[in-house]
């Protein structure tokens, strides 16, 4: 019949495209190097947990026999940090970290640019606040940029300029400077095509308070499903950005530690 309309066939059901942030990124498999943050994206409305652990016995304390007698420092006390991370929306994440000296750090991170075929770098913005005694006193703020360059599935390098306020907690004061500007640098490289990586990072201070030795850490790690386990050696016991900015006590002190990350996705 003239003018009759042909019934339209309903479109076939098309499966929703999975969130690419849910995929494992072999070049950037974790949200931190050792303690410095990376630009790994957190999937929206997903969670991740991280444990940091540093044994407080310096490796060089005593002789070699003492080191082995103390089971590489494992018999000593430890500084421990617990972190919970949440994906607020695509490209935005937040984390709360508490250490066993009752410091609490609140952190937010936002991706501004992502690496692509036409763009060589990823750039994130980061802001954080920290307080002692369960976030009730001696507050500090941090602001910085995270710049990364990934190399296929082989690894990534990082450049992270940061300003951290109120880093001078010495009593009596050793320096008059109260804030610190530092530049975090680091790299993570995959061992061949395996799930193992080597990691190194440092955070030299370029202005402001710098009484302690600048933070340096290196380690080896392995990814297993949603877990990442890292064994590391550091010259500080730092976990938060203010602790990293303050640095270590003695240049010759190095500490054994480990990190454990668990992604719930």
Protein backbone atom coordinates (compact mmCIF):
# COMPACT_ATOMS: atom_id res chain seq x y z
CA UNK A 1 0.00 0.00 0.00
CA UNK A 2 1.29 3.40 -0.93
CA UNK A 3 2.55 5.41 1.98
CA UNK A 4 2.93 2.37 4.22
CA UNK A 5 6.03 2.45 6.36
CA UNK A 6 8.32 -0.53 6.56
CA UNK A 7 8.76 -1.64 10.18
CA UNK A 8 12.26 -0.90 11.42
CA UNK A 9 14.30 -3.81 12.68
CA UNK A 10 15.54 -3.13 16.21
CA UNK A 11 19.33 -2.82 16.38
CA UNK A 12 21.15 -5.88 17.64
CA UNK A 13 22.34 -5.85 21.21
CA UNK A 14 25.87 -4.51 21.31
CA UNK A 15 28.01 -5.41 24.31
CA UNK A 16 29.25 -2.39 26.21
CA UNK A 17 32.90 -1.59 25.60
CA UNK A 18 34.90 -2.63 28.70
CA UNK A 19 36.64 0.12 30.62
CA UNK A 20 40.26 0.20 29.33
CA UNK A 21 41.41 1.22 32.83
CA UNK A 22 40.48 -2.30 34.00
CA UNK A 23 43.21 -3.85 31.87
CA UNK A 24 46.65 -4.54 33.33
CA UNK A 25 49.19 -2.04 32.00
CA UNK A 26 52.47 -4.00 31.69
CA UNK A 27 54.53 -0.78 31.45
CA UNK A 28 52.87 0.80 34.50
CA UNK A 29 51.44 -1.93 36.74
CA UNK A 30 51.22 -0.06 40.06
CA UNK A 31 50.11 3.26 41.54
CA UNK A 32 53.52 3.94 43.10
CA UNK A 33 57.15 3.22 42.32
CA UNK A 34 58.50 2.59 45.80
CA UNK A 35 56.87 5.57 47.53
CA UNK A 36 56.55 8.17 44.76
CA UNK A 37 53.23 8.11 42.86
CA UNK A 38 52.86 7.04 39.22
CA UNK A 39 50.34 8.06 36.55
CA UNK A 40 48.52 4.71 36.49
CA UNK A 41 44.80 5.39 36.10
CA UNK A 42 42.36 4.02 38.66
CA UNK A 43 39.11 2.62 37.18
CA UNK A 44 36.00 4.52 38.20
CA UNK A 45 34.28 3.21 41.34
CA UNK A 46 36.95 0.57 41.99
CA UNK A 47 39.22 0.07 45.00
CA UNK A 48 42.85 -0.80 45.64
CA UNK A 49 44.76 -1.42 48.86
CA UNK A 50 48.48 -0.91 49.59
CA UNK A 51 50.68 -1.93 52.50
CA UNK A 52 54.10 -0.34 53.05
CA UNK A 53 56.57 -1.83 55.54
CA UNK A 54 60.06 -0.62 56.50
CA UNK A 55 62.22 -2.34 59.12
CA UNK A 56 63.84 0.32 61.31
CA UNK A 57 67.19 -1.44 61.81
CA UNK A 58 69.82 0.12 59.48
CA UNK A 59 71.53 -2.52 57.37
CA UNK A 60 74.99 -1.31 58.47
CA UNK A 61 74.16 -1.38 62.18
CA UNK A 62 76.60 -3.78 63.85
CA UNK A 63 78.58 -6.28 61.79
CA UNK A 64 77.56 -8.80 59.14
CA UNK A 65 76.91 -11.45 61.76
CA UNK A 66 74.51 -9.14 63.59
CA UNK A 67 72.66 -8.46 60.32
CA UNK A 68 72.10 -12.17 59.70
CA UNK A 69 71.33 -12.82 63.38
CA UNK A 70 68.55 -10.22 63.14
CA UNK A 71 67.27 -11.98 59.99
CA UNK A 72 68.22 -9.04 57.71
CA UNK A 73 66.53 -6.62 60.10
CA UNK A 74 63.24 -8.53 60.23
CA UNK A 75 63.55 -8.85 64.02
CA UNK A 76 63.48 -5.06 64.43
CA UNK A 77 60.54 -2.72 64.81
CA UNK A 78 58.90 -1.38 61.65
CA UNK A 79 57.15 1.62 60.19
CA UNK A 80 53.94 0.54 58.48
CA UNK A 81 51.53 2.35 56.20
CA UNK A 82 48.04 1.32 55.09
CA UNK A 83 46.47 2.96 52.04
CA UNK A 84 43.02 2.69 50.45
CA UNK A 85 42.60 4.09 46.92
CA UNK A 86 39.33 4.78 45.08
CA UNK A 87 38.52 5.72 41.50
CA UNK A 88 36.23 8.78 41.72
CA UNK A 89 35.60 8.95 37.97
CA UNK A 90 37.55 8.21 34.81
CA UNK A 91 40.95 9.86 35.19
CA UNK A 92 40.45 10.89 38.83
CA UNK A 93 41.40 9.01 42.00
CA UNK A 94 41.67 9.61 45.72
CA UNK A 95 43.66 7.83 48.44
CA UNK A 96 43.95 7.91 52.21
CA UNK A 97 47.19 6.66 53.79
CA UNK A 98 47.77 6.16 57.53
CA UNK A 99 51.16 5.25 59.02
CA UNK A 100 51.75 3.74 62.45
CA UNK A 101 53.17 7.02 63.77
CA UNK A 102 49.53 8.23 63.36
CA UNK A 103 50.22 10.42 60.34
CA UNK A 104 47.34 10.56 57.85
CA UNK A 105 47.69 11.71 54.23
CA UNK A 106 44.71 12.53 51.99
CA UNK A 107 45.57 12.59 48.29
CA UNK A 108 43.75 13.34 45.03
CA UNK A 109 45.13 12.84 41.53
CA UNK A 110 43.71 13.96 38.17
CA UNK A 111 44.91 13.09 34.68
CA UNK A 112 45.27 16.16 32.46
CA UNK A 113 46.83 14.54 29.37
CA UNK A 114 47.28 10.90 28.42
CA UNK A 115 50.07 9.43 26.33
CA UNK A 116 48.96 8.45 22.83
CA UNK A 117 50.35 7.93 19.34
CA UNK A 118 50.43 11.70 18.85
CA UNK A 119 51.40 12.63 22.42
CA UNK A 120 54.59 11.37 24.07
CA UNK A 121 53.75 12.12 27.70
CA UNK A 122 51.14 11.58 30.40
CA UNK A 123 50.60 14.48 32.80
CA UNK A 124 48.69 14.29 36.08
CA UNK A 125 47.98 16.94 38.70
CA UNK A 126 48.29 15.96 42.36
CA UNK A 127 47.16 17.61 45.61
CA UNK A 128 47.52 16.22 49.13
CA UNK A 129 47.07 17.16 52.76
CA UNK A 130 48.71 15.56 55.79
CA UNK A 131 48.31 15.85 59.53
CA UNK A 132 49.90 14.27 62.56
CA UNK A 133 48.10 12.58 65.46
CA UNK A 134 45.34 11.20 63.24
CA UNK A 135 45.03 14.39 61.18
CA UNK A 136 44.48 16.65 64.18
CA UNK A 137 47.65 18.79 64.28
CA UNK A 138 50.73 20.06 62.38
CA UNK A 139 49.13 20.07 58.95
CA UNK A 140 50.94 20.08 55.62
CA UNK A 141 49.87 20.53 52.00
CA UNK A 142 51.40 19.24 48.78
CA UNK A 143 50.83 20.17 45.15
CA UNK A 144 52.66 18.79 42.16
CA UNK A 145 52.69 17.41 38.65
CA UNK A 146 53.41 13.83 37.59
CA UNK A 147 54.95 13.47 34.13
CA UNK A 148 55.55 10.01 32.71
CA UNK A 149 56.79 8.45 29.50
CA UNK A 150 55.93 4.83 28.85
CA UNK A 151 57.94 2.62 26.49
CA UNK A 152 55.55 0.11 24.97
CA UNK A 153 55.11 -2.72 27.47
CA UNK A 154 58.69 -2.43 28.75
CA UNK A 155 58.44 0.23 31.47
CA UNK A 156 58.20 3.95 32.19
CA UNK A 157 60.19 6.90 33.52
CA UNK A 158 58.87 9.70 35.76
CA UNK A 159 59.56 13.37 36.49
CA UNK A 160 57.58 14.81 39.43
CA UNK A 161 58.11 18.43 40.60
CA UNK A 162 56.35 19.04 43.94
CA UNK A 163 55.94 21.74 46.57
CA UNK A 164 55.34 20.55 50.14
CA UNK A 165 54.46 23.03 52.88
CA UNK A 166 55.31 22.86 56.59
CA UNK A 167 58.02 20.25 56.36
CA UNK A 168 60.08 21.74 59.21
CA UNK A 169 58.95 19.82 62.30
CA UNK A 170 62.28 20.05 64.15
CA UNK A 171 62.12 21.14 67.79
CA UNK A 172 64.23 23.15 68.27
CA UNK A 173 64.41 24.24 64.59
CA UNK A 174 67.58 23.25 62.73
CA UNK A 175 66.76 25.48 59.73
CA UNK A 176 64.63 28.58 59.22
CA UNK A 177 63.03 27.27 56.00
CA UNK A 178 59.55 25.86 56.53
CA UNK A 179 58.61 24.48 53.09
CA UNK A 180 60.30 22.20 50.58
CA UNK A 181 60.43 22.08 46.79
CA UNK A 182 61.60 18.72 45.46
CA UNK A 183 61.74 16.86 42.17
CA UNK A 184 60.84 13.20 42.21
CA UNK A 185 62.54 11.09 39.53
CA UNK A 186 62.13 7.40 38.98
CA UNK A 187 61.79 4.47 36.62
CA UNK A 188 60.27 1.01 36.44
CA UNK A 189 61.42 -1.50 33.84
CA UNK A 190 60.09 -4.94 33.06
CA UNK A 191 62.49 -7.88 32.99
CA UNK A 192 62.01 -9.19 29.47
CA UNK A 193 58.45 -10.39 28.94
CA UNK A 194 58.04 -11.63 32.52
CA UNK A 195 55.89 -10.24 35.32
CA UNK A 196 58.97 -9.08 37.23
CA UNK A 197 60.28 -5.50 37.35
CA UNK A 198 63.13 -3.42 38.73
CA UNK A 199 62.30 -0.05 40.30
CA UNK A 200 64.34 2.99 41.34
CA UNK A 201 63.39 6.46 42.60
CA UNK A 202 64.86 9.55 44.23
CA UNK A 203 63.51 12.88 45.51
CA UNK A 204 66.26 15.53 45.60
CA UNK A 205 65.28 18.83 47.24
CA UNK A 206 65.98 21.97 45.19
CA UNK A 207 64.75 24.66 47.60
CA UNK A 208 63.60 25.16 51.18
CA UNK A 209 63.91 22.81 54.13
CA UNK A 210 66.41 20.00 53.46
CA UNK A 211 67.90 18.97 56.80
CA UNK A 212 67.75 15.23 56.12
CA UNK A 213 69.41 13.20 53.35
CA UNK A 214 67.34 13.12 50.14
CA UNK A 215 65.11 10.07 49.72
CA UNK A 216 66.41 7.24 47.50
CA UNK A 217 64.90 3.79 47.04
CA UNK A 218 65.34 0.84 44.69
CA UNK A 219 63.78 -2.58 44.53
CA UNK A 220 62.61 -5.62 42.64
CA UNK A 221 58.99 -6.70 42.34
CA UNK A 222 56.63 -9.21 40.78
CA UNK A 223 53.06 -8.97 39.60
CA UNK A 224 50.69 -11.88 40.27
CA UNK A 225 47.08 -11.39 39.22
CA UNK A 226 45.72 -8.43 41.18
CA UNK A 227 48.74 -8.37 43.49
CA UNK A 228 52.09 -6.60 43.24
CA UNK A 229 54.80 -7.51 45.76
CA UNK A 230 57.96 -5.40 46.00
CA UNK A 231 61.14 -5.94 48.02
CA UNK A 232 63.07 -2.69 48.40
CA UNK A 233 65.98 -0.93 50.09
CA UNK A 234 65.65 2.77 51.04
CA UNK A 235 67.67 5.38 52.88
CA UNK A 236 64.55 6.76 54.59
CA UNK A 237 61.49 5.36 56.36
CA UNK A 238 59.20 7.70 54.42
CA UNK A 239 55.68 6.86 53.28
CA UNK A 240 53.89 10.21 52.89
CA UNK A 241 54.92 13.15 50.69
CA UNK A 242 55.93 15.25 53.69
CA UNK A 243 58.05 12.40 55.03
CA UNK A 244 59.72 12.06 51.62
CA UNK A 245 60.37 15.82 51.52
CA UNK A 246 61.93 15.73 55.00
CA UNK A 247 64.30 12.94 53.93
CA UNK A 248 66.33 10.55 56.04
CA UNK A 249 68.46 11.10 59.12
CA UNK A 250 71.89 9.71 58.22
CA UNK A 251 73.34 9.36 54.74
CA UNK A 252 74.83 5.95 55.55
CA UNK A 253 71.62 4.36 56.85
CA UNK A 254 69.71 2.01 54.53
CA UNK A 255 66.62 0.02 55.45
CA UNK A 256 65.05 -3.17 54.13
CA UNK A 257 61.34 -3.08 53.37
CA UNK A 258 58.51 -4.27 51.17
CA UNK A 259 55.29 -3.05 49.57
CA UNK A 260 52.17 -5.03 48.76
CA UNK A 261 49.40 -3.73 46.48
CA UNK A 262 46.06 -5.47 45.93
CA UNK A 263 43.68 -4.29 43.21
CA UNK A 264 40.01 -5.21 43.68
CA UNK A 265 39.14 -5.37 39.99
